[in-house]
Amino acid sequence: IRDGFTELHRLGLTGVHDFRIMGSADGPLASHAYQHLQTAGDLALRMWMLLPGEHLSHAIELGLRTGFGDDSLRVGHVKFFSDGGQGARTAWMLEPYEDIANYGMPLTPMDEIADAIRRAHTAGLAVAIHAIGDRANRELVTVFERVLSSSKSAAPSAPHSIEHLQNIRPDDVVRLGQLGVVGSVQPIHVPDDFPMIDKSVGWRGRWSYPFRDLLTAGVSLAFGSDCPVADPNPLLGIHAAVTRQMSDGTPSGGWYPGQRLSVAEAVWGFSMGAARVCGREAELGSITPGKLADLVVLDRDIFTIDPMEIAQTQVEMTIFGGQVVFED
């Protein structure tokens, strides 16, 4: 883990959201290790540690709440899965795939997810729900509408989120923008995935990764990498959000270029957006008096260079809590 801190500091990262805790033997080991490093004063990243959905009842019984912890280690969202993945054709779609005659599948019944959201929200626990397919996202938006409108409990300290939000129809984007639910998305998947998306859903790819439409509708976006599925380098993610192109410049003009973002919007997603989904925008996410001094110095001005150069940008220095933790 200490070696991992060093490598992530080289990329300009000062915090991570750990989704690994659920469903694997190394989750509890990682949790113990983070606490050990925190006690020793050696936790050199701000850790947002998610809880597995299968332990929701235990978390509620223990009185855990999202945001519990200190500046370096906090209890995060409770993670659930609504469907599978598009590459495996298990993402739950409104229409069948182009290359295989099925619609994907739900992994958790929506009535169970609705009950989990209701219980978590009442207990002060935010939920993060994996959703790839447009059917999964439509169903989730409906569930959030119903649960949040009927809840009389105070909201958790961090907003609920939909993880990936990969395929979503325009009318559902508008509905989502009215809920205050964050879209936790991974721009780097655009150049990685668009050939697969074109093959699997054809022209319906226009509704995949619709970052511009989501922002226009008022959906707050938190950007990440989905590491180790993709490279954790946030500069590659910024490049992808701004260009929607591979590193070789294809496709010309970008894949569905109407969904491209400005550099400022992409940087916001990796900074303020990532802080907001933790409920920590008052402490983190911008260079503002009174906030924690997590700062990054780059070797060029990504706001003025050719956007294709952003992917080659290097980190010169990373400052964590006012201390230099990496210097080239």
C-alpha atoms as a PDB file:
ATOM      1  CA  ILE A   1       0.000   0.000   0.000  1.00  0.00           C
ATOM      2  CA  ARG A   2       2.876   2.388   0.745  1.00  0.00           C
ATOM      3  CA  ASP A   3       4.301   1.617  -2.698  1.00  0.00           C
ATOM      4  CA  GLY A   4       0.879   2.379  -4.129  1.00  0.00           C
ATOM      5  CA  PHE A   5       0.856   5.776  -2.412  1.00  0.00           C
ATOM      6  CA  THR A   6       4.142   6.640  -4.144  1.00  0.00           C
ATOM      7  CA  GLU A   7       2.867   5.667  -7.575  1.00  0.00           C
ATOM      8  CA  LEU A   8      -0.407   7.555  -7.179  1.00  0.00           C
ATOM      9  CA  HIS A   9       1.385  10.663  -5.925  1.00  0.00           C
ATOM     10  CA  ARG A  10       3.374  10.582  -9.187  1.00  0.00           C
ATOM     11  CA  LEU A  11       0.030  10.920 -10.965  1.00  0.00           C
ATOM     12  CA  GLY A  12      -1.041  13.870  -8.827  1.00  0.00           C
ATOM     13  CA  LEU A  13      -3.561  11.932  -6.767  1.00  0.00           C
ATOM     14  CA  THR A  14      -4.154  12.878  -3.132  1.00  0.00           C
ATOM     15  CA  GLY A  15      -7.249  10.784  -2.483  1.00  0.00           C
ATOM     16  CA  VAL A  16      -8.986   7.657  -3.705  1.00  0.00           C
ATOM     17  CA  HIS A  17     -12.381   6.012  -3.338  1.00  0.00           C
ATOM     18  CA  ASP A  18     -11.825   2.353  -2.514  1.00  0.00           C
ATOM     19  CA  PHE A  19     -14.588   0.163  -3.936  1.00  0.00           C
ATOM     20  CA  ARG A  20     -12.602  -3.008  -3.281  1.00  0.00           C
ATOM     21  CA  ILE A  21     -13.968  -3.651   0.194  1.00  0.00           C
ATOM     22  CA  MET A  22     -16.944  -5.716  -0.955  1.00  0.00           C
ATOM     23  CA  GLY A  23     -17.036  -9.335  -1.971  1.00  0.00           C
ATOM     24  CA  SER A  24     -13.354 -10.245  -1.701  1.00  0.00           C
ATOM     25  CA  ALA A  25     -11.045 -11.631   0.949  1.00  0.00           C
ATOM     26  CA  ASP A  26      -8.645  -8.695   0.730  1.00  0.00           C
ATOM     27  CA  GLY A  27     -11.307  -6.146   1.704  1.00  0.00           C
ATOM     28  CA  PRO A  28     -11.031  -6.586   5.477  1.00  0.00           C
ATOM     29  CA  LEU A  29      -7.229  -6.792   5.165  1.00  0.00           C
ATOM     30  CA  ALA A  30      -7.176  -3.489   3.320  1.00  0.00           C
ATOM     31  CA  SER A  31      -9.439  -1.926   5.937  1.00  0.00           C
ATOM     32  CA  HIS A  32      -7.142  -3.078   8.742  1.00  0.00           C
ATOM     33  CA  ALA A  33      -4.105  -1.818   6.846  1.00  0.00           C
ATOM     34  CA  TYR A  34      -5.612   1.640   6.279  1.00  0.00           C
ATOM     35  CA  GLN A  35      -6.423   1.933   9.972  1.00  0.00           C
ATOM     36  CA  HIS A  36      -2.918   0.795  10.945  1.00  0.00           C
ATOM     37  CA  LEU A  37      -1.333   3.369   8.619  1.00  0.00           C
ATOM     38  CA  GLN A  38      -3.690   6.061   9.874  1.00  0.00           C
ATOM     39  CA  THR A  39      -2.756   5.344  13.499  1.00  0.00           C
ATOM     40  CA  ALA A  40       0.933   5.511  12.581  1.00  0.00           C
ATOM     41  CA  GLY A  41       0.433   8.801  10.751  1.00  0.00           C
ATOM     42  CA  ASP A  42       1.437   7.184   7.444  1.00  0.00           C
ATOM     43  CA  LEU A  43      -1.842   7.272   5.521  1.00  0.00           C
ATOM     44  CA  ALA A  44      -0.690   9.479   2.651  1.00  0.00           C
ATOM     45  CA  LEU A  45      -3.955   9.497   0.677  1.00  0.00           C
ATOM     46  CA  ARG A  46      -7.426  10.566   1.711  1.00  0.00           C
ATOM     47  CA  MET A  47      -9.327   7.285   1.711  1.00  0.00           C
ATOM     48  CA  TRP A  48     -13.081   7.100   1.092  1.00  0.00           C
ATOM     49  CA  MET A  49     -13.779   3.504   2.043  1.00  0.00           C
ATOM     50  CA  LEU A  50     -16.976   1.965   0.679  1.00  0.00           C
ATOM     51  CA  LEU A  51     -18.967  -0.707   2.463  1.00  0.00           C
ATOM     52  CA  PRO A  52     -20.358  -3.838   0.788  1.00  0.00           C
ATOM     53  CA  GLY A  53     -24.089  -3.809   0.196  1.00  0.00           C
ATOM     54  CA  GLU A  54     -24.444  -7.303   1.631  1.00  0.00           C
ATOM     55  CA  HIS A  55     -23.448  -5.868   5.034  1.00  0.00           C
ATOM     56  CA  LEU A  56     -25.951  -3.006   5.043  1.00  0.00           C
ATOM     57  CA  SER A  57     -27.880  -4.455   7.982  1.00  0.00           C
ATOM     58  CA  HIS A  58     -24.685  -4.829  10.025  1.00  0.00           C
ATOM     59  CA  ALA A  59     -23.647  -1.253   9.245  1.00  0.00           C
ATOM     60  CA  ILE A  60     -27.054   0.053  10.345  1.00  0.00           C
ATOM     61  CA  GLU A  61     -26.998  -2.056  13.523  1.00  0.00           C
ATOM     62  CA  LEU A  62     -23.529  -0.707  14.366  1.00  0.00           C
ATOM     63  CA  GLY A  63     -24.707   2.857  13.832  1.00  0.00           C
ATOM     64  CA  LEU A  64     -22.175   3.588  11.093  1.00  0.00           C
ATOM     65  CA  ARG A  65     -22.898   6.675   9.021  1.00  0.00           C
ATOM     66  CA  THR A  66     -21.382   7.885   5.766  1.00  0.00           C
ATOM     67  CA  GLY A  67     -18.621  10.383   6.502  1.00  0.00           C
ATOM     68  CA  PHE A  68     -17.585   8.878   9.842  1.00  0.00           C
ATOM     69  CA  GLY A  69     -13.834   9.274  10.318  1.00  0.00           C
ATOM     70  CA  ASP A  70     -11.229  11.997   9.994  1.00  0.00           C
ATOM     71  CA  ASP A  71      -9.378  13.885   7.255  1.00  0.00           C
ATOM     72  CA  SER A  72      -7.519  10.790   6.037  1.00  0.00           C
ATOM     73  CA  LEU A  73      -9.942   7.865   6.438  1.00  0.00           C
ATOM     74  CA  ARG A  74     -13.728   7.942   6.258  1.00  0.00           C
ATOM     75  CA  VAL A  75     -16.627   5.541   5.866  1.00  0.00           C
ATOM     76  CA  GLY A  76     -18.016   6.073   2.377  1.00  0.00           C
ATOM     77  CA  HIS A  77     -21.018   4.863   0.414  1.00  0.00           C
ATOM     78  CA  VAL A  78     -22.648   1.441   0.563  1.00  0.00           C
ATOM     79  CA  LYS A  79     -22.122  -0.278  -2.792  1.00  0.00           C
ATOM     80  CA  PHE A  80     -24.750  -2.221  -4.750  1.00  0.00           C
ATOM     81  CA  PHE A  81     -24.969  -3.643  -8.285  1.00  0.00           C
ATOM     82  CA  SER A  82     -28.076  -3.245 -10.439  1.00  0.00           C
ATOM     83  CA  ASP A  83     -26.739  -4.955 -13.588  1.00  0.00           C
ATOM     84  CA  GLY A  84     -23.640  -6.348 -15.292  1.00  0.00           C
ATOM     85  CA  GLY A  85     -21.308  -4.924 -17.944  1.00  0.00           C
ATOM     86  CA  GLN A  86     -21.738  -3.985 -21.580  1.00  0.00           C
ATOM     87  CA  GLY A  87     -18.626  -5.808 -22.756  1.00  0.00           C
ATOM     88  CA  ALA A  88     -20.090  -9.072 -21.493  1.00  0.00           C
ATOM     89  CA  ARG A  89     -23.563  -8.054 -22.806  1.00  0.00           C
ATOM     90  CA  THR A  90     -24.956  -8.338 -19.277  1.00  0.00           C
ATOM     91  CA  ALA A  91     -25.760  -4.629 -18.866  1.00  0.00           C
ATOM     92  CA  TRP A  92     -29.555  -4.349 -18.625  1.00  0.00           C
ATOM     93  CA  MET A  93     -30.839  -2.618 -21.793  1.00  0.00           C
ATOM     94  CA  LEU A  94     -34.190  -1.265 -22.967  1.00  0.00           C
ATOM     95  CA  GLU A  95     -33.663  -2.805 -26.413  1.00  0.00           C
ATOM     96  CA  PRO A  96     -31.718  -5.939 -27.353  1.00  0.00           C
ATOM     97  CA  TYR A  97     -28.065  -5.855 -28.309  1.00  0.00           C
ATOM     98  CA  GLU A  98     -27.170  -5.613 -31.975  1.00  0.00           C
ATOM     99  CA  ASP A  99     -24.891  -8.650 -31.942  1.00  0.00           C
ATOM    100  CA  ILE A 100     -26.688 -10.965 -29.532  1.00  0.00           C
ATOM    101  CA  ALA A 101     -30.427 -11.364 -29.065  1.00  0.00           C
ATOM    102  CA  ASN A 102     -30.837 -10.474 -25.426  1.00  0.00           C
ATOM    103  CA  TYR A 103     -31.374  -7.469 -23.181  1.00  0.00           C
ATOM    104  CA  GLY A 104     -28.773  -8.185 -20.540  1.00  0.00           C
ATOM    105  CA  MET A 105     -29.996  -8.727 -17.018  1.00  0.00           C
ATOM    106  CA  PRO A 106     -30.602  -7.167 -13.618  1.00  0.00           C
ATOM    107  CA  LEU A 107     -28.265  -8.494 -10.944  1.00  0.00           C
ATOM    108  CA  THR A 108     -30.394  -7.323  -8.026  1.00  0.00           C
ATOM    109  CA  PRO A 109     -34.193  -7.034  -8.133  1.00  0.00           C
ATOM    110  CA  MET A 110     -35.238  -3.380  -8.137  1.00  0.00           C
ATOM    111  CA  ASP A 111     -37.578  -3.852  -5.190  1.00  0.00           C
ATOM    112  CA  GLU A 112     -34.581  -5.049  -3.154  1.00  0.00           C
ATOM    113  CA  ILE A 113     -32.525  -2.054  -4.261  1.00  0.00           C
ATOM    114  CA  ALA A 114     -35.410   0.276  -3.397  1.00  0.00           C
ATOM    115  CA  ASP A 115     -35.655  -1.237   0.083  1.00  0.00           C
ATOM    116  CA  ALA A 116     -31.880  -0.952   0.555  1.00  0.00           C
ATOM    117  CA  ILE A 117     -31.841   2.707  -0.513  1.00  0.00           C
ATOM    118  CA  ARG A 118     -34.715   3.497   1.828  1.00  0.00           C
ATOM    119  CA  ARG A 119     -33.077   1.789   4.802  1.00  0.00           C
ATOM    120  CA  ALA A 120     -29.653   3.268   4.091  1.00  0.00           C
ATOM    121  CA  HIS A 121     -30.992   6.794   3.586  1.00  0.00           C
ATOM    122  CA  THR A 122     -32.929   6.642   6.851  1.00  0.00           C
ATOM    123  CA  ALA A 123     -29.787   5.464   8.672  1.00  0.00           C
ATOM    124  CA  GLY A 124     -27.592   8.245   7.255  1.00  0.00           C
ATOM    125  CA  LEU A 125     -25.763   6.003   4.792  1.00  0.00           C
ATOM    126  CA  ALA A 126     -25.315   7.104   1.182  1.00  0.00           C
ATOM    127  CA  VAL A 127     -25.528   4.436  -1.509  1.00  0.00           C
ATOM    128  CA  ALA A 128     -23.454   3.979  -4.671  1.00  0.00           C
ATOM    129  CA  ILE A 129     -25.176   1.770  -7.222  1.00  0.00           C
ATOM    130  CA  HIS A 130     -23.478   0.287 -10.268  1.00  0.00           C
ATOM    131  CA  ALA A 131     -25.614   0.790 -13.374  1.00  0.00           C
ATOM    132  CA  ILE A 132     -24.451   0.386 -16.985  1.00  0.00           C
ATOM    133  CA  GLY A 133     -27.516  -0.301 -19.150  1.00  0.00           C
ATOM    134  CA  ASP A 134     -30.190   2.238 -20.064  1.00  0.00           C
ATOM    135  CA  ARG A 135     -32.882  -0.018 -18.561  1.00  0.00           C
ATOM    136  CA  ALA A 136     -30.927  -0.273 -15.293  1.00  0.00           C
ATOM    137  CA  ASN A 137     -30.494   3.493 -15.158  1.00  0.00           C
ATOM    138  CA  ARG A 138     -34.153   4.170 -15.956  1.00  0.00           C
ATOM    139  CA  GLU A 139     -35.273   1.803 -13.214  1.00  0.00           C
ATOM    140  CA  LEU A 140     -32.839   3.370 -10.741  1.00  0.00           C
ATOM    141  CA  VAL A 141     -33.989   6.907 -11.478  1.00  0.00           C
ATOM    142  CA  THR A 142     -37.567   5.774 -10.827  1.00  0.00           C
ATOM    143  CA  VAL A 143     -36.538   4.157  -7.549  1.00  0.00           C
ATOM    144  CA  PHE A 144     -34.663   7.265  -6.392  1.00  0.00           C
ATOM    145  CA  GLU A 145     -37.647   9.454  -7.303  1.00  0.00           C
ATOM    146  CA  ARG A 146     -39.956   7.299  -5.237  1.00  0.00           C
ATOM    147  CA  VAL A 147     -37.671   6.805  -2.236  1.00  0.00           C
ATOM    148  CA  LEU A 148     -36.340  10.349  -1.927  1.00  0.00           C
ATOM    149  CA  SER A 149     -39.745  11.975  -2.351  1.00  0.00           C
ATOM    150  CA  SER A 150     -41.276   9.838   0.395  1.00  0.00           C
ATOM    151  CA  SER A 151     -38.391  10.000   2.889  1.00  0.00           C
ATOM    152  CA  LYS A 152     -38.821  12.231   5.922  1.00  0.00           C
ATOM    153  CA  SER A 153     -35.278  11.562   7.182  1.00  0.00           C
ATOM    154  CA  ALA A 154     -32.411  14.011   6.865  1.00  0.00           C
ATOM    155  CA  ALA A 155     -30.179  13.199   3.922  1.00  0.00           C
ATOM    156  CA  PRO A 156     -26.825  11.498   4.558  1.00  0.00           C
ATOM    157  CA  SER A 157     -23.759  13.760   4.752  1.00  0.00           C
ATOM    158  CA  ALA A 158     -22.809  12.756   1.188  1.00  0.00           C
ATOM    159  CA  PRO A 159     -25.126  12.459  -1.819  1.00  0.00           C
ATOM    160  CA  HIS A 160     -26.210   9.138  -3.246  1.00  0.00           C
ATOM    161  CA  SER A 161     -24.517   8.209  -6.529  1.00  0.00           C
ATOM    162  CA  ILE A 162     -24.967   6.074  -9.605  1.00  0.00           C
ATOM    163  CA  GLU A 163     -21.707   4.448 -10.615  1.00  0.00           C
ATOM    164  CA  HIS A 164     -20.803   4.486 -14.335  1.00  0.00           C
ATOM    165  CA  LEU A 165     -24.145   5.806 -15.607  1.00  0.00           C
ATOM    166  CA  GLN A 166     -22.928   4.531 -18.959  1.00  0.00           C
ATOM    167  CA  ASN A 167     -26.126   4.356 -21.037  1.00  0.00           C
ATOM    168  CA  ILE A 168     -29.034   6.647 -20.212  1.00  0.00           C
ATOM    169  CA  ARG A 169     -31.816   8.020 -22.388  1.00  0.00           C
ATOM    170  CA  PRO A 170     -32.359  11.803 -22.665  1.00  0.00           C
ATOM    171  CA  ASP A 171     -35.661  11.868 -20.753  1.00  0.00           C
ATOM    172  CA  ASP A 172     -34.063   9.953 -17.893  1.00  0.00           C
ATOM    173  CA  VAL A 173     -31.129  12.402 -17.866  1.00  0.00           C
ATOM    174  CA  VAL A 174     -33.624  15.213 -17.245  1.00  0.00           C
ATOM    175  CA  ARG A 175     -35.307  13.270 -14.441  1.00  0.00           C
ATOM    176  CA  LEU A 176     -31.958  12.479 -12.820  1.00  0.00           C
ATOM    177  CA  GLY A 177     -31.005  16.159 -12.863  1.00  0.00           C
ATOM    178  CA  GLN A 178     -33.875  16.890 -10.494  1.00  0.00           C
ATOM    179  CA  LEU A 179     -32.823  14.422  -7.804  1.00  0.00           C
ATOM    180  CA  GLY A 180     -29.449  15.576  -6.456  1.00  0.00           C
ATOM    181  CA  VAL A 181     -27.995  12.122  -7.138  1.00  0.00           C
ATOM    182  CA  VAL A 182     -24.380  12.318  -8.348  1.00  0.00           C
ATOM    183  CA  GLY A 183     -23.206  10.649 -11.537  1.00  0.00           C
ATOM    184  CA  SER A 184     -19.908   8.930 -10.710  1.00  0.00           C
ATOM    185  CA  VAL A 185     -18.417   8.412 -14.165  1.00  0.00           C
ATOM    186  CA  GLN A 186     -15.127   7.406 -15.764  1.00  0.00           C
ATOM    187  CA  PRO A 187     -14.236   9.422 -18.894  1.00  0.00           C
ATOM    188  CA  ILE A 188     -11.262   7.205 -19.707  1.00  0.00           C
ATOM    189  CA  HIS A 189     -13.729   4.474 -20.666  1.00  0.00           C
ATOM    190  CA  VAL A 190     -14.869   6.501 -23.695  1.00  0.00           C
ATOM    191  CA  PRO A 191     -11.765   5.832 -25.853  1.00  0.00           C
ATOM    192  CA  ASP A 192     -11.428   2.371 -24.337  1.00  0.00           C
ATOM    193  CA  ASP A 193     -15.026   1.323 -24.989  1.00  0.00           C
ATOM    194  CA  PHE A 194     -16.500   3.068 -28.013  1.00  0.00           C
ATOM    195  CA  PRO A 195     -15.583   0.366 -30.569  1.00  0.00           C
ATOM    196  CA  MET A 196     -17.325  -2.187 -28.332  1.00  0.00           C
ATOM    197  CA  ILE A 197     -20.310   0.120 -27.842  1.00  0.00           C
ATOM    198  CA  ASP A 198     -20.680   0.698 -31.595  1.00  0.00           C
ATOM    199  CA  LYS A 199     -20.674  -3.060 -32.109  1.00  0.00           C
ATOM    200  CA  SER A 200     -23.050  -3.901 -29.276  1.00  0.00           C
ATOM    201  CA  VAL A 201     -25.714  -1.191 -29.603  1.00  0.00           C
ATOM    202  CA  GLY A 202     -24.968   0.609 -32.895  1.00  0.00           C
ATOM    203  CA  TRP A 203     -26.518   4.071 -33.234  1.00  0.00           C
ATOM    204  CA  ARG A 204     -27.800   3.890 -29.653  1.00  0.00           C
ATOM    205  CA  GLY A 205     -24.219   4.693 -28.659  1.00  0.00           C
ATOM    206  CA  ARG A 206     -25.261   8.340 -28.889  1.00  0.00           C
ATOM    207  CA  TRP A 207     -26.734   7.826 -25.408  1.00  0.00           C
ATOM    208  CA  SER A 208     -23.500   6.409 -23.962  1.00  0.00           C
ATOM    209  CA  TYR A 209     -21.358   8.561 -21.663  1.00  0.00           C
ATOM    210  CA  PRO A 210     -23.515  11.675 -22.335  1.00  0.00           C
ATOM    211  CA  PHE A 211     -21.431  13.981 -20.150  1.00  0.00           C
ATOM    212  CA  ARG A 212     -22.578  17.231 -21.770  1.00  0.00           C
ATOM    213  CA  ASP A 213     -26.251  16.301 -21.522  1.00  0.00           C
ATOM    214  CA  LEU A 214     -25.837  15.292 -17.884  1.00  0.00           C
ATOM    215  CA  LEU A 215     -24.211  18.602 -16.947  1.00  0.00           C
ATOM    216  CA  THR A 216     -26.830  20.564 -18.876  1.00  0.00           C
ATOM    217  CA  ALA A 217     -29.564  18.750 -16.937  1.00  0.00           C
ATOM    218  CA  GLY A 218     -27.945  19.714 -13.630  1.00  0.00           C
ATOM    219  CA  VAL A 219     -26.413  16.350 -12.739  1.00  0.00           C
ATOM    220  CA  SER A 220     -23.267  16.777 -10.649  1.00  0.00           C
ATOM    221  CA  LEU A 221     -20.494  14.588 -12.078  1.00  0.00           C
ATOM    222  CA  ALA A 222     -17.659  13.030 -10.091  1.00  0.00           C
ATOM    223  CA  PHE A 223     -14.866  11.734 -12.323  1.00  0.00           C
ATOM    224  CA  GLY A 224     -12.722   8.689 -11.619  1.00  0.00           C
ATOM    225  CA  SER A 225     -10.830   5.934 -13.398  1.00  0.00           C
ATOM    226  CA  ASP A 226     -12.350   2.586 -12.336  1.00  0.00           C
ATOM    227  CA  CYS A 227      -8.763   1.457 -11.647  1.00  0.00           C
ATOM    228  CA  PRO A 228      -7.575  -1.296 -12.022  1.00  0.00           C
ATOM    229  CA  VAL A 229     -10.002  -1.716 -14.912  1.00  0.00           C
ATOM    230  CA  ALA A 230      -8.464   1.419 -16.455  1.00  0.00           C
ATOM    231  CA  ASP A 231      -5.379   3.587 -15.939  1.00  0.00           C
ATOM    232  CA  PRO A 232      -5.688   5.725 -12.771  1.00  0.00           C
ATOM    233  CA  ASN A 233      -3.948   8.726 -14.389  1.00  0.00           C
ATOM    234  CA  PRO A 234      -6.500  11.588 -14.137  1.00  0.00           C
ATOM    235  CA  LEU A 235      -4.826  13.455 -17.004  1.00  0.00           C
ATOM    236  CA  LEU A 236      -5.806  10.614 -19.326  1.00  0.00           C
ATOM    237  CA  GLY A 237      -9.351  10.976 -18.040  1.00  0.00           C
ATOM    238  CA  ILE A 238      -9.329  14.744 -18.635  1.00  0.00           C
ATOM    239  CA  HIS A 239      -8.032  14.159 -22.176  1.00  0.00           C
ATOM    240  CA  ALA A 240     -10.811  11.634 -22.810  1.00  0.00           C
ATOM    241  CA  ALA A 241     -13.558  13.924 -21.483  1.00  0.00           C
ATOM    242  CA  VAL A 242     -12.332  16.877 -23.568  1.00  0.00           C
ATOM    243  CA  THR A 243     -11.569  15.076 -26.856  1.00  0.00           C
ATOM    244  CA  ARG A 244     -13.542  11.787 -26.770  1.00  0.00           C
ATOM    245  CA  GLN A 245     -10.680  10.432 -28.875  1.00  0.00           C
ATOM    246  CA  MET A 246      -8.034   7.764 -28.596  1.00  0.00           C
ATOM    247  CA  SER A 247      -4.431   8.890 -28.135  1.00  0.00           C
ATOM    248  CA  ASP A 248      -3.894   8.618 -31.905  1.00  0.00           C
ATOM    249  CA  GLY A 249      -6.647  11.184 -32.554  1.00  0.00           C
ATOM    250  CA  THR A 250      -9.322   8.763 -33.738  1.00  0.00           C
ATOM    251  CA  PRO A 251     -12.108   9.206 -34.449  1.00  0.00           C
ATOM    252  CA  SER A 252     -11.608  12.584 -36.077  1.00  0.00           C
ATOM    253  CA  GLY A 253     -13.444  15.257 -34.102  1.00  0.00           C
ATOM    254  CA  GLY A 254     -14.267  12.844 -31.295  1.00  0.00           C
ATOM    255  CA  TRP A 255     -16.824  10.098 -30.720  1.00  0.00           C
ATOM    256  CA  TYR A 256     -20.211  11.866 -30.539  1.00  0.00           C
ATOM    257  CA  PRO A 257     -18.399  15.192 -30.164  1.00  0.00           C
ATOM    258  CA  GLY A 258     -21.478  17.002 -28.901  1.00  0.00           C
ATOM    259  CA  GLN A 259     -20.817  15.352 -25.535  1.00  0.00           C
ATOM    260  CA  ARG A 260     -17.282  16.752 -25.161  1.00  0.00           C
ATOM    261  CA  LEU A 261     -16.473  18.898 -22.123  1.00  0.00           C
ATOM    262  CA  SER A 262     -14.216  21.894 -21.641  1.00  0.00           C
ATOM    263  CA  VAL A 263     -10.922  21.423 -19.808  1.00  0.00           C
ATOM    264  CA  ALA A 264     -12.320  23.425 -16.877  1.00  0.00           C
ATOM    265  CA  GLU A 265     -15.354  21.139 -16.651  1.00  0.00           C
ATOM    266  CA  ALA A 266     -13.187  18.023 -16.796  1.00  0.00           C
ATOM    267  CA  VAL A 267     -10.804  19.324 -14.125  1.00  0.00           C
ATOM    268  CA  TRP A 268     -13.827  20.187 -11.955  1.00  0.00           C
ATOM    269  CA  GLY A 269     -15.037  16.599 -12.231  1.00  0.00           C
ATOM    270  CA  PHE A 270     -11.731  15.222 -10.930  1.00  0.00           C
ATOM    271  CA  SER A 271     -11.467  17.810  -8.153  1.00  0.00           C
ATOM    272  CA  MET A 272     -14.662  19.472  -6.912  1.00  0.00           C
ATOM    273  CA  GLY A 273     -16.865  16.719  -8.308  1.00  0.00           C
ATOM    274  CA  ALA A 274     -14.874  14.063  -6.486  1.00  0.00           C
ATOM    275  CA  ALA A 275     -15.013  16.135  -3.278  1.00  0.00           C
ATOM    276  CA  ARG A 276     -18.750  16.773  -3.606  1.00  0.00           C
ATOM    277  CA  VAL A 277     -19.666  13.097  -3.902  1.00  0.00           C
ATOM    278  CA  CYS A 278     -17.974  12.667  -0.493  1.00  0.00           C
ATOM    279  CA  GLY A 279     -19.779  15.657   0.969  1.00  0.00           C
ATOM    280  CA  ARG A 280     -16.378  17.347   1.424  1.00  0.00           C
ATOM    281  CA  GLU A 281     -16.581  20.262  -1.008  1.00  0.00           C
ATOM    282  CA  ALA A 282     -16.116  22.706   1.903  1.00  0.00           C
ATOM    283  CA  GLU A 283     -12.686  21.185   2.658  1.00  0.00           C
ATOM    284  CA  LEU A 284     -11.360  19.799  -0.617  1.00  0.00           C
ATOM    285  CA  GLY A 285     -11.548  20.138  -4.378  1.00  0.00           C
ATOM    286  CA  SER A 286     -10.362  23.677  -5.102  1.00  0.00           C
ATOM    287  CA  ILE A 287      -7.471  26.012  -4.319  1.00  0.00           C
ATOM    288  CA  THR A 288      -9.433  28.149  -1.880  1.00  0.00           C
ATOM    289  CA  PRO A 289      -8.443  29.810   1.437  1.00  0.00           C
ATOM    290  CA  GLY A 290      -9.395  27.592   4.348  1.00  0.00           C
ATOM    291  CA  LYS A 291      -9.360  24.317   2.437  1.00  0.00           C
ATOM    292  CA  LEU A 292      -6.855  21.511   2.944  1.00  0.00           C
ATOM    293  CA  ALA A 293      -3.669  22.087   0.947  1.00  0.00           C
ATOM    294  CA  ASP A 294      -3.824  19.231  -1.551  1.00  0.00           C
ATOM    295  CA  LEU A 295      -2.162  20.737  -4.626  1.00  0.00           C
ATOM    296  CA  VAL A 296      -0.662  19.535  -7.900  1.00  0.00           C
ATOM    297  CA  VAL A 297       1.847  21.272 -10.194  1.00  0.00           C
ATOM    298  CA  LEU A 298       1.905  20.222 -13.871  1.00  0.00           C
ATOM    299  CA  ASP A 299       4.641  20.647 -16.460  1.00  0.00           C
ATOM    300  CA  ARG A 300       2.375  22.617 -18.820  1.00  0.00           C
ATOM    301  CA  ASP A 301      -0.830  24.650 -18.784  1.00  0.00           C
ATOM    302  CA  ILE A 302      -3.548  22.204 -19.799  1.00  0.00           C
ATOM    303  CA  PHE A 303      -6.026  25.081 -20.195  1.00  0.00           C
ATOM    304  CA  THR A 304      -4.085  26.566 -23.145  1.00  0.00           C
ATOM    305  CA  ILE A 305      -2.329  23.686 -24.922  1.00  0.00           C
ATOM    306  CA  ASP A 306      -3.756  21.563 -27.723  1.00  0.00           C
ATOM    307  CA  PRO A 307      -6.143  19.176 -25.913  1.00  0.00           C
ATOM    308  CA  MET A 308      -4.391  16.209 -27.518  1.00  0.00           C
ATOM    309  CA  GLU A 309      -1.288  17.116 -25.469  1.00  0.00           C
ATOM    310  CA  ILE A 310      -3.104  16.703 -22.180  1.00  0.00           C
ATOM    311  CA  ALA A 311      -2.490  12.956 -22.250  1.00  0.00           C
ATOM    312  CA  GLN A 312       1.279  13.617 -22.325  1.00  0.00           C
ATOM    313  CA  THR A 313       1.229  16.083 -19.434  1.00  0.00           C
ATOM    314  CA  GLN A 314       3.415  15.153 -16.476  1.00  0.00           C
ATOM    315  CA  VAL A 315       3.117  15.956 -12.778  1.00  0.00           C
ATOM    316  CA  GLU A 316       6.013  18.037 -11.423  1.00  0.00           C
ATOM    317  CA  MET A 317       4.934  18.107  -7.769  1.00  0.00           C
ATOM    318  CA  THR A 318       2.198  16.750  -5.522  1.00  0.00           C
ATOM    319  CA  ILE A 319       1.421  18.373  -2.166  1.00  0.00           C
ATOM    320  CA  PHE A 320      -0.690  16.500   0.379  1.00  0.00           C
ATOM    321  CA  GLY A 321      -1.948  18.461   3.354  1.00  0.00           C
ATOM    322  CA  GLY A 322       0.729  21.102   2.800  1.00  0.00           C
ATOM    323  CA  GLN A 323       3.566  18.556   2.580  1.00  0.00           C
ATOM    324  CA  VAL A 324       5.435  17.737  -0.624  1.00  0.00           C
ATOM    325  CA  VAL A 325       4.926  14.002  -1.194  1.00  0.00           C
ATOM    326  CA  PHE A 326       6.245  13.880  -4.777  1.00  0.00           C
ATOM    327  CA  GLU A 327       8.661  16.075  -6.684  1.00  0.00           C
ATOM    328  CA  ASP A 328      10.076  15.316 -10.125  1.00  0.00           C
END
